[in-house]
Amino acid sequence: RDLLLVSPVHPVTEGASIILTCRLRGQNTLSNVIFYHNDKLLQNDSKQELKISAVSQLDEGFYKCEHLGMVSPQSWMAVQAAVFSLRSFLFFVLLVLGAGCGCTFIMLLLLLCCFRQSQEPDEFKDVTYASINWEKSGKKRGENEPERR
């Protein structure tokens, strides 16, 4: 039976996370596996998988695994440089511009409100209000009025 290293088929982008596992053909993942990179021992403690949390150019090369004296064929793992896509760059630019314009608009509104408040005429600033009570005088309507004919 053949021992197989399960690794990425396509080039891996720098910074990505990968997991290498080892299995026998037709079976699930094995435990007690030893991993090698360019024929150098990576793990001397037997584990079920090899996890690389942030791939770099140094991780590019040949990998193989060993289980109970059996060794898998080597697999080449290519690593490609991380490149910003035009789409993600434009999204970032629009996000920054939108946030900047929004903050500028709010600041201008606040300044305009403060300016308008300072320009109000003084006649509206200091107004005194009085309470006026109307009392009934007791006179009947028409007592002091001339007669109409």
N, C-alpha and C. Protein backbone atom coordinates (compact mmCIF):
# COMPACT_ATOMS: atom_id res chain seq x y z
N ARG A 1 0.84 -1.18 0.00
CA ARG A 1 0.00 0.00 0.00
C ARG A 1 0.88 1.24 0.00
N ASP A 2 0.42 2.29 -0.68
CA ASP A 2 1.21 3.50 -0.83
C ASP A 2 0.91 4.53 0.25
N LEU A 3 1.95 5.16 0.73
CA LEU A 3 1.84 6.27 1.67
C LEU A 3 1.82 7.56 0.87
N LEU A 4 0.84 8.44 1.14
CA LEU A 4 0.68 9.67 0.37
C LEU A 4 0.74 10.90 1.28
N LEU A 5 1.42 11.94 0.80
CA LEU A 5 1.41 13.24 1.47
C LEU A 5 0.30 14.06 0.84
N VAL A 6 -0.60 14.56 1.68
CA VAL A 6 -1.69 15.42 1.20
C VAL A 6 -1.23 16.86 1.37
N SER A 7 -1.00 17.53 0.22
CA SER A 7 -0.47 18.90 0.24
C SER A 7 -1.16 19.72 -0.85
N PRO A 8 -1.01 21.04 -0.81
CA PRO A 8 -1.65 21.89 -1.83
C PRO A 8 -1.13 21.57 -3.23
N VAL A 9 -2.05 21.53 -4.18
CA VAL A 9 -1.69 21.24 -5.56
C VAL A 9 -1.21 22.51 -6.26
N HIS A 10 -1.87 23.63 -5.99
CA HIS A 10 -1.54 24.91 -6.61
C HIS A 10 -0.56 25.69 -5.74
N PRO A 11 0.13 26.66 -6.32
CA PRO A 11 1.03 27.50 -5.51
C PRO A 11 0.28 28.16 -4.35
N VAL A 12 0.96 28.26 -3.23
CA VAL A 12 0.39 28.86 -2.02
C VAL A 12 0.87 30.31 -1.93
N THR A 13 -0.02 31.21 -1.56
CA THR A 13 0.34 32.62 -1.44
C THR A 13 1.00 32.88 -0.09
N GLU A 14 2.04 33.72 -0.12
CA GLU A 14 2.74 34.08 1.13
C GLU A 14 1.73 34.59 2.15
N GLY A 15 1.92 34.16 3.39
CA GLY A 15 1.03 34.59 4.47
C GLY A 15 -0.15 33.66 4.70
N ALA A 16 -0.41 32.77 3.74
CA ALA A 16 -1.54 31.83 3.89
C ALA A 16 -1.19 30.75 4.92
N SER A 17 -2.22 30.10 5.40
CA SER A 17 -2.06 29.00 6.36
C SER A 17 -2.34 27.69 5.63
N ILE A 18 -1.48 26.69 5.85
CA ILE A 18 -1.69 25.38 5.21
C ILE A 18 -1.52 24.27 6.24
N ILE A 19 -2.08 23.11 5.92
CA ILE A 19 -1.92 21.91 6.75
C ILE A 19 -1.54 20.75 5.83
N LEU A 20 -0.46 20.10 6.15
CA LEU A 20 -0.03 18.90 5.43
C LEU A 20 -0.40 17.69 6.27
N THR A 21 -0.95 16.67 5.61
CA THR A 21 -1.27 15.42 6.32
C THR A 21 -0.72 14.25 5.52
N CYS A 22 -0.73 13.09 6.15
CA CYS A 22 -0.20 11.88 5.53
C CYS A 22 -1.25 10.78 5.67
N ARG A 23 -1.44 9.99 4.61
CA ARG A 23 -2.41 8.89 4.70
C ARG A 23 -1.99 7.75 3.79
N LEU A 24 -2.50 6.60 4.10
CA LEU A 24 -2.33 5.44 3.22
C LEU A 24 -3.41 5.51 2.14
N ARG A 25 -3.08 5.07 0.95
CA ARG A 25 -4.05 5.13 -0.15
C ARG A 25 -5.34 4.42 0.27
N GLY A 26 -6.46 5.13 0.12
CA GLY A 26 -7.75 4.56 0.46
C GLY A 26 -8.10 4.62 1.94
N GLN A 27 -7.28 5.25 2.76
CA GLN A 27 -7.58 5.35 4.20
C GLN A 27 -7.58 6.81 4.63
N ASN A 28 -8.03 7.01 5.87
CA ASN A 28 -8.07 8.35 6.45
C ASN A 28 -6.68 8.80 6.86
N THR A 29 -6.60 9.99 7.40
CA THR A 29 -5.35 10.56 7.87
C THR A 29 -4.73 9.70 8.96
N LEU A 30 -3.43 9.62 8.93
CA LEU A 30 -2.69 8.81 9.91
C LEU A 30 -2.15 9.67 11.03
N SER A 31 -1.90 9.04 12.18
CA SER A 31 -1.20 9.72 13.26
C SER A 31 0.19 9.11 13.35
N ASN A 32 1.01 9.63 14.23
CA ASN A 32 2.40 9.18 14.38
C ASN A 32 3.16 9.31 13.05
N VAL A 33 3.10 10.50 12.49
CA VAL A 33 3.73 10.79 11.20
C VAL A 33 4.89 11.75 11.41
N ILE A 34 5.97 11.55 10.67
CA ILE A 34 7.13 12.45 10.70
C ILE A 34 7.19 13.16 9.35
N PHE A 35 7.40 14.49 9.38
CA PHE A 35 7.42 15.29 8.16
C PHE A 35 8.83 15.78 7.86
N TYR A 36 9.13 15.88 6.55
CA TYR A 36 10.44 16.35 6.08
C TYR A 36 10.24 17.48 5.07
N HIS A 37 11.16 18.43 5.09
CA HIS A 37 11.19 19.51 4.10
C HIS A 37 12.58 19.51 3.48
N ASN A 38 12.65 19.30 2.16
CA ASN A 38 13.93 19.18 1.45
C ASN A 38 14.86 18.18 2.14
N ASP A 39 14.30 17.03 2.50
CA ASP A 39 15.01 15.92 3.16
C ASP A 39 15.54 16.25 4.55
N LYS A 40 15.09 17.37 5.12
CA LYS A 40 15.48 17.70 6.50
C LYS A 40 14.28 17.46 7.41
N LEU A 41 14.53 16.85 8.54
CA LEU A 41 13.48 16.53 9.51
C LEU A 41 12.85 17.82 10.03
N LEU A 42 11.53 17.91 9.93
CA LEU A 42 10.81 19.09 10.44
C LEU A 42 10.30 18.86 11.85
N GLN A 43 9.78 17.69 12.10
CA GLN A 43 9.22 17.37 13.41
C GLN A 43 9.77 16.03 13.86
N ASN A 44 10.40 16.03 15.03
CA ASN A 44 10.86 14.74 15.54
C ASN A 44 9.84 14.15 16.50
N ASP A 45 8.81 14.93 16.83
CA ASP A 45 7.71 14.37 17.62
C ASP A 45 6.62 13.98 16.62
N SER A 46 6.16 12.78 16.70
CA SER A 46 5.18 12.26 15.73
C SER A 46 3.82 12.91 15.96
N LYS A 47 3.30 13.50 14.90
CA LYS A 47 1.99 14.14 14.97
C LYS A 47 1.13 13.68 13.81
N GLN A 48 -0.10 14.14 13.80
CA GLN A 48 -1.04 13.77 12.76
C GLN A 48 -0.92 14.71 11.55
N GLU A 49 -0.50 15.96 11.77
CA GLU A 49 -0.44 16.94 10.69
C GLU A 49 0.69 17.92 10.91
N LEU A 50 1.05 18.62 9.84
CA LEU A 50 2.04 19.68 9.90
C LEU A 50 1.33 20.96 9.50
N LYS A 51 1.27 21.91 10.42
CA LYS A 51 0.57 23.16 10.14
C LYS A 51 1.60 24.28 10.01
N ILE A 52 1.51 25.03 8.91
CA ILE A 52 2.33 26.22 8.71
C ILE A 52 1.35 27.40 8.72
N SER A 53 1.41 28.21 9.77
CA SER A 53 0.40 29.26 9.95
C SER A 53 0.58 30.45 9.01
N ALA A 54 1.80 30.78 8.62
CA ALA A 54 2.04 31.87 7.68
C ALA A 54 3.17 31.46 6.74
N VAL A 55 2.79 31.00 5.58
CA VAL A 55 3.76 30.49 4.61
C VAL A 55 4.65 31.63 4.12
N SER A 56 5.96 31.33 3.97
CA SER A 56 6.90 32.29 3.40
C SER A 56 7.67 31.62 2.26
N GLN A 57 8.49 32.40 1.56
CA GLN A 57 9.29 31.84 0.46
C GLN A 57 10.21 30.73 0.95
N LEU A 58 10.62 30.80 2.22
CA LEU A 58 11.50 29.77 2.79
C LEU A 58 10.81 28.41 2.89
N ASP A 59 9.48 28.41 2.89
CA ASP A 59 8.73 27.15 2.99
C ASP A 59 8.59 26.44 1.65
N GLU A 60 8.97 27.09 0.56
CA GLU A 60 8.88 26.45 -0.75
C GLU A 60 9.87 25.28 -0.82
N GLY A 61 9.47 24.21 -1.45
CA GLY A 61 10.38 23.07 -1.61
C GLY A 61 9.64 21.75 -1.61
N PHE A 62 10.44 20.67 -1.46
CA PHE A 62 9.91 19.31 -1.46
C PHE A 62 9.54 18.89 -0.04
N TYR A 63 8.36 18.26 0.08
CA TYR A 63 7.89 17.73 1.37
C TYR A 63 7.62 16.24 1.20
N LYS A 64 7.81 15.51 2.29
CA LYS A 64 7.45 14.09 2.33
C LYS A 64 7.12 13.74 3.77
N CYS A 65 6.47 12.59 3.95
CA CYS A 65 6.13 12.13 5.29
C CYS A 65 6.57 10.68 5.46
N GLU A 66 6.69 10.28 6.72
CA GLU A 66 7.11 8.92 7.05
C GLU A 66 6.17 8.38 8.11
N HIS A 67 5.79 7.10 7.93
CA HIS A 67 4.89 6.43 8.89
C HIS A 67 5.29 4.97 8.98
N LEU A 68 5.67 4.52 10.18
CA LEU A 68 6.05 3.13 10.44
C LEU A 68 7.09 2.62 9.43
N GLY A 69 8.07 3.44 9.12
CA GLY A 69 9.14 3.03 8.22
C GLY A 69 8.86 3.24 6.75
N MET A 70 7.59 3.52 6.39
CA MET A 70 7.25 3.80 4.99
C MET A 70 7.41 5.30 4.74
N VAL A 71 7.92 5.65 3.55
CA VAL A 71 8.14 7.06 3.19
C VAL A 71 7.32 7.37 1.95
N SER A 72 6.63 8.52 1.99
CA SER A 72 5.82 8.95 0.83
C SER A 72 6.72 9.51 -0.26
N PRO A 73 6.22 9.56 -1.50
CA PRO A 73 6.95 10.28 -2.54
C PRO A 73 6.98 11.77 -2.18
N GLN A 74 7.98 12.47 -2.67
CA GLN A 74 8.09 13.90 -2.39
C GLN A 74 7.06 14.68 -3.19
N SER A 75 6.55 15.76 -2.57
CA SER A 75 5.62 16.67 -3.24
C SER A 75 6.23 18.07 -3.20
N TRP A 76 6.18 18.77 -4.34
CA TRP A 76 6.70 20.13 -4.41
C TRP A 76 5.61 21.11 -3.99
N MET A 77 5.94 22.01 -3.07
CA MET A 77 5.02 23.07 -2.69
C MET A 77 5.62 24.40 -3.15
N ALA A 78 4.93 25.05 -4.09
CA ALA A 78 5.37 26.34 -4.60
C ALA A 78 4.73 27.46 -3.78
N VAL A 79 5.50 28.53 -3.57
CA VAL A 79 5.00 29.68 -2.83
C VAL A 79 5.10 30.91 -3.73
N GLN A 80 3.99 31.62 -3.86
CA GLN A 80 3.99 32.83 -4.68
C GLN A 80 3.86 34.06 -3.80
N ALA A 81 4.44 35.15 -4.26
CA ALA A 81 4.42 36.40 -3.49
C ALA A 81 2.99 36.92 -3.38
N ALA A 82 2.69 37.52 -2.24
CA ALA A 82 1.37 38.11 -2.04
C ALA A 82 1.30 39.40 -2.84
N VAL A 83 0.26 39.53 -3.66
CA VAL A 83 0.09 40.71 -4.50
C VAL A 83 -1.30 41.26 -4.25
N PHE A 84 -1.37 42.60 -4.08
CA PHE A 84 -2.68 43.23 -3.94
C PHE A 84 -3.37 43.19 -5.29
N SER A 85 -4.59 42.77 -5.30
CA SER A 85 -5.33 42.81 -6.55
C SER A 85 -5.86 44.23 -6.75
N LEU A 86 -6.12 44.59 -7.98
CA LEU A 86 -6.63 45.92 -8.29
C LEU A 86 -7.97 46.14 -7.60
N ARG A 87 -8.77 45.11 -7.53
CA ARG A 87 -10.09 45.22 -6.91
C ARG A 87 -9.97 45.55 -5.41
N SER A 88 -9.09 44.85 -4.69
CA SER A 88 -8.94 45.11 -3.27
C SER A 88 -8.30 46.48 -3.04
N PHE A 89 -7.40 46.90 -3.94
CA PHE A 89 -6.78 48.22 -3.81
C PHE A 89 -7.83 49.32 -4.00
N LEU A 90 -8.69 49.19 -5.02
CA LEU A 90 -9.73 50.19 -5.25
C LEU A 90 -10.71 50.23 -4.09
N PHE A 91 -11.05 49.08 -3.54
CA PHE A 91 -11.94 49.06 -2.38
C PHE A 91 -11.32 49.81 -1.21
N PHE A 92 -10.04 49.59 -0.97
CA PHE A 92 -9.34 50.27 0.12
C PHE A 92 -9.32 51.78 -0.12
N VAL A 93 -9.02 52.20 -1.34
CA VAL A 93 -8.97 53.63 -1.66
C VAL A 93 -10.35 54.27 -1.46
N LEU A 94 -11.39 53.61 -1.96
CA LEU A 94 -12.75 54.14 -1.78
C LEU A 94 -13.17 54.19 -0.32
N LEU A 95 -12.77 53.20 0.44
CA LEU A 95 -13.09 53.19 1.86
C LEU A 95 -12.43 54.37 2.58
N VAL A 96 -11.16 54.62 2.29
CA VAL A 96 -10.44 55.73 2.93
C VAL A 96 -11.03 57.07 2.49
N LEU A 97 -11.27 57.21 1.19
CA LEU A 97 -11.84 58.47 0.69
C LEU A 97 -13.24 58.72 1.26
N GLY A 98 -14.05 57.68 1.31
CA GLY A 98 -15.41 57.82 1.85
C GLY A 98 -15.39 58.24 3.31
N ALA A 99 -14.54 57.60 4.09
CA ALA A 99 -14.44 57.96 5.51
C ALA A 99 -13.94 59.38 5.67
N GLY A 100 -12.95 59.76 4.86
CA GLY A 100 -12.40 61.12 4.94
C GLY A 100 -13.42 62.18 4.55
N CYS A 101 -14.16 61.92 3.48
CA CYS A 101 -15.19 62.87 3.04
C CYS A 101 -16.32 62.97 4.08
N GLY A 102 -16.70 61.84 4.65
CA GLY A 102 -17.75 61.86 5.67
C GLY A 102 -17.34 62.67 6.89
N CYS A 103 -16.13 62.48 7.36
CA CYS A 103 -15.64 63.25 8.51
C CYS A 103 -15.53 64.72 8.19
N THR A 104 -15.06 65.05 7.00
CA THR A 104 -14.95 66.45 6.58
C THR A 104 -16.33 67.10 6.52
N PHE A 105 -17.31 66.40 5.99
CA PHE A 105 -18.68 66.93 5.90
C PHE A 105 -19.25 67.21 7.29
N ILE A 106 -19.06 66.31 8.21
CA ILE A 106 -19.57 66.50 9.58
C ILE A 106 -18.88 67.69 10.24
N MET A 107 -17.57 67.81 10.05
CA MET A 107 -16.84 68.95 10.63
C MET A 107 -17.33 70.27 10.05
N LEU A 108 -17.59 70.32 8.75
CA LEU A 108 -18.09 71.54 8.12
C LEU A 108 -19.48 71.90 8.65
N LEU A 109 -20.34 70.91 8.84
CA LEU A 109 -21.66 71.19 9.41
C LEU A 109 -21.56 71.78 10.82
N LEU A 110 -20.68 71.20 11.63
CA LEU A 110 -20.50 71.73 12.99
C LEU A 110 -19.97 73.15 12.97
N LEU A 111 -19.00 73.42 12.11
CA LEU A 111 -18.46 74.78 11.99
C LEU A 111 -19.52 75.77 11.51
N LEU A 112 -20.33 75.34 10.55
CA LEU A 112 -21.40 76.20 10.04
C LEU A 112 -22.41 76.52 11.14
N CYS A 113 -22.79 75.53 11.93
CA CYS A 113 -23.73 75.76 13.04
C CYS A 113 -23.14 76.74 14.05
N CYS A 114 -21.89 76.56 14.39
CA CYS A 114 -21.24 77.47 15.35
C CYS A 114 -21.16 78.88 14.79
N PHE A 115 -20.84 79.03 13.51
CA PHE A 115 -20.73 80.33 12.87
C PHE A 115 -22.08 81.02 12.83
N ARG A 116 -23.13 80.30 12.44
CA ARG A 116 -24.47 80.90 12.37
C ARG A 116 -24.97 81.33 13.74
N GLN A 117 -24.65 80.54 14.76
CA GLN A 117 -25.08 80.89 16.11
C GLN A 117 -24.38 82.16 16.58
N SER A 118 -23.13 82.35 16.20
CA SER A 118 -22.39 83.55 16.62
C SER A 118 -22.83 84.77 15.83
N GLN A 119 -23.50 84.60 14.70
CA GLN A 119 -23.92 85.72 13.86
C GLN A 119 -25.36 86.16 14.10
N GLU A 120 -26.08 85.55 15.04
CA GLU A 120 -27.46 85.93 15.33
C GLU A 120 -27.49 87.35 15.88
N PRO A 121 -28.51 88.18 15.50
CA PRO A 121 -28.61 89.54 16.05
C PRO A 121 -28.83 89.50 17.56
N ASP A 122 -28.37 90.58 18.22
CA ASP A 122 -28.50 90.66 19.68
C ASP A 122 -29.95 90.72 20.14
N GLU A 123 -30.85 91.20 19.28
CA GLU A 123 -32.25 91.33 19.70
C GLU A 123 -32.88 89.97 19.99
N PHE A 124 -32.32 88.88 19.45
CA PHE A 124 -32.88 87.56 19.72
C PHE A 124 -32.16 86.85 20.86
N LYS A 125 -31.02 87.40 21.27
CA LYS A 125 -30.24 86.71 22.29
C LYS A 125 -30.77 86.96 23.69
N ASP A 126 -31.01 88.26 24.04
CA ASP A 126 -31.44 88.61 25.40
C ASP A 126 -32.87 89.11 25.38
N VAL A 127 -33.81 88.23 25.47
CA VAL A 127 -35.23 88.59 25.47
C VAL A 127 -35.76 88.34 26.87
N THR A 128 -36.49 89.36 27.40
CA THR A 128 -37.11 89.20 28.71
C THR A 128 -38.60 88.96 28.50
N TYR A 129 -39.07 87.95 29.14
CA TYR A 129 -40.48 87.61 29.03
C TYR A 129 -41.19 88.06 30.29
N ALA A 130 -42.43 88.57 30.14
CA ALA A 130 -43.21 89.02 31.30
C ALA A 130 -44.54 88.30 31.29
N SER A 131 -45.07 88.18 32.45
CA SER A 131 -46.38 87.56 32.59
C SER A 131 -47.40 88.68 32.77
N ILE A 132 -48.41 88.71 31.94
CA ILE A 132 -49.43 89.76 32.01
C ILE A 132 -50.73 89.11 32.42
N ASN A 133 -51.32 89.67 33.48
CA ASN A 133 -52.62 89.18 33.95
C ASN A 133 -53.68 90.22 33.64
N TRP A 134 -54.74 89.82 33.03
CA TRP A 134 -55.86 90.71 32.74
C TRP A 134 -56.88 90.56 33.85
N GLU A 135 -57.30 91.69 34.40
CA GLU A 135 -58.31 91.65 35.45
C GLU A 135 -59.59 92.29 34.93
N LYS A 136 -60.68 91.82 35.44
CA LYS A 136 -61.96 92.37 35.06
C LYS A 136 -62.14 93.69 35.81
N SER A 137 -62.51 94.75 35.11
CA SER A 137 -62.62 96.06 35.75
C SER A 137 -63.94 96.26 36.48
N GLY A 138 -64.90 95.50 36.22
CA GLY A 138 -66.19 95.63 36.90
C GLY A 138 -67.13 96.55 36.16
N LYS A 139 -66.66 97.24 35.18
CA LYS A 139 -67.54 98.11 34.40
C LYS A 139 -68.29 97.28 33.39
N LYS A 140 -69.55 97.70 33.19
CA LYS A 140 -70.34 97.01 32.19
C LYS A 140 -70.08 97.66 30.85
N ARG A 141 -70.20 96.89 29.89
CA ARG A 141 -69.95 97.37 28.55
C ARG A 141 -70.94 98.47 28.20
N GLY A 142 -70.38 99.52 27.70
CA GLY A 142 -71.21 100.60 27.24
C GLY A 142 -71.52 101.65 28.27
N GLU A 143 -70.99 101.62 29.52
CA GLU A 143 -71.30 102.63 30.54
C GLU A 143 -70.72 103.99 30.16
N ASN A 144 -69.50 104.04 29.74
CA ASN A 144 -68.86 105.30 29.41
C ASN A 144 -68.86 105.58 27.91
N GLU A 145 -69.53 104.77 27.16
CA GLU A 145 -69.54 104.96 25.72
C GLU A 145 -70.73 105.84 25.33
N PRO A 146 -70.56 106.72 24.39
CA PRO A 146 -71.72 107.52 23.93
C PRO A 146 -72.77 106.61 23.27
N GLU A 147 -74.00 107.07 23.34
CA GLU A 147 -75.05 106.29 22.74
C GLU A 147 -74.97 106.34 21.24
N ARG A 148 -75.31 105.27 20.69
CA ARG A 148 -75.31 105.22 19.23
C ARG A 148 -76.76 105.27 18.74
N ARG A 149 -76.94 105.98 17.77
CA ARG A 149 -78.29 106.04 17.23
C ARG A 149 -78.33 105.68 15.83
